[in-house]
Amino acid sequence: MAVSFREAVMKSIELPCPSRLSAGERAAEITCILASAIVRTLVTPRAAESAVGLGFVPDQRVHTTPYQRETL
């Protein structure tokens, strides 16, 4: 049985309605989300500073559309 790319990527997640959860269940869900975030920040390696600079002075602003000049 072949699975198309769209079926492989798009998964339907059914979340319970918060109004149908008890206060304890909502607190448990929030606790789980916060704990996951804390663990993720502690487990991921710290980003090392890159030796390659971008070539901009610290106070210089960079715009995605350089043709729009800012007037003072």
Protein backbone atom coordinates (compact mmCIF):
# COMPACT_ATOMS: atom_id res chain seq x y z
CA MET A 1 0.00 0.00 0.00
CA ALA A 2 1.56 3.26 -1.11
CA VAL A 3 1.32 6.37 1.03
CA SER A 4 1.34 9.71 -0.71
CA PHE A 5 3.51 12.54 0.55
CA ARG A 6 0.49 14.57 1.66
CA GLU A 7 -0.80 11.69 3.79
CA ALA A 8 2.62 11.21 5.33
CA VAL A 9 2.99 14.86 6.35
CA MET A 10 -0.53 15.97 7.25
CA LYS A 11 -1.64 14.29 10.46
CA SER A 12 -4.87 15.28 12.09
CA ILE A 13 -4.39 15.85 15.80
CA GLU A 14 -7.50 15.97 17.90
CA LEU A 15 -7.04 18.07 21.00
CA PRO A 16 -9.61 18.02 23.77
CA CYS A 17 -11.72 21.12 24.20
CA PRO A 18 -10.34 23.08 27.20
CA SER A 19 -13.85 23.74 28.49
CA ARG A 20 -14.42 19.98 28.77
CA LEU A 21 -11.27 19.39 30.82
CA SER A 22 -11.25 19.54 34.58
CA ALA A 23 -9.04 22.07 36.34
CA GLY A 24 -6.62 19.29 37.24
CA GLU A 25 -6.41 18.08 33.65
CA ARG A 26 -5.73 21.62 32.40
CA ALA A 27 -3.05 22.08 35.06
CA ALA A 28 -1.48 18.75 34.08
CA GLU A 29 -1.43 19.77 30.41
CA ILE A 30 0.20 23.11 31.19
CA THR A 31 2.73 21.40 33.48
CA CYS A 32 3.61 18.92 30.74
CA ILE A 33 4.08 21.70 28.17
CA LEU A 34 6.29 23.74 30.51
CA ALA A 35 8.33 20.69 31.53
CA SER A 36 8.89 19.81 27.87
CA ALA A 37 10.06 23.35 27.13
CA ILE A 38 12.47 23.31 30.08
CA VAL A 39 13.90 19.92 29.11
CA ARG A 40 14.26 21.05 25.48
CA THR A 41 16.25 24.13 26.51
CA LEU A 42 18.51 22.12 28.81
CA VAL A 43 19.15 19.29 26.34
CA THR A 44 19.85 21.30 23.20
CA PRO A 45 23.49 22.28 22.73
CA ARG A 46 24.27 25.93 23.08
CA ALA A 47 24.85 27.76 19.84
CA ALA A 48 28.49 28.67 19.47
CA GLU A 49 29.32 32.13 18.24
CA SER A 50 30.10 32.06 14.58
CA ALA A 51 33.56 33.06 13.48
CA VAL A 52 32.04 34.38 10.26
CA GLY A 53 30.67 37.90 10.57
CA LEU A 54 27.87 39.30 8.48
CA GLY A 55 29.81 42.42 7.61
CA PHE A 56 27.55 44.95 9.33
CA VAL A 57 28.50 47.42 12.01
CA PRO A 58 26.49 46.94 15.25
CA ASP A 59 24.15 49.92 14.80
CA GLN A 60 23.46 49.41 11.10
CA ARG A 61 19.95 48.28 10.16
CA VAL A 62 19.43 45.72 7.42
CA HIS A 63 16.25 45.71 5.35
CA THR A 64 14.98 42.97 3.07
CA THR A 65 14.11 45.59 0.44
CA PRO A 66 17.17 47.85 0.18
CA TYR A 67 15.61 49.99 -2.56
CA GLN A 68 13.23 51.59 -0.03
CA ARG A 69 15.27 54.31 1.57
CA GLU A 70 14.28 55.62 4.98
CA THR A 71 13.98 59.40 5.10
CA LEU A 72 14.81 61.23 8.30
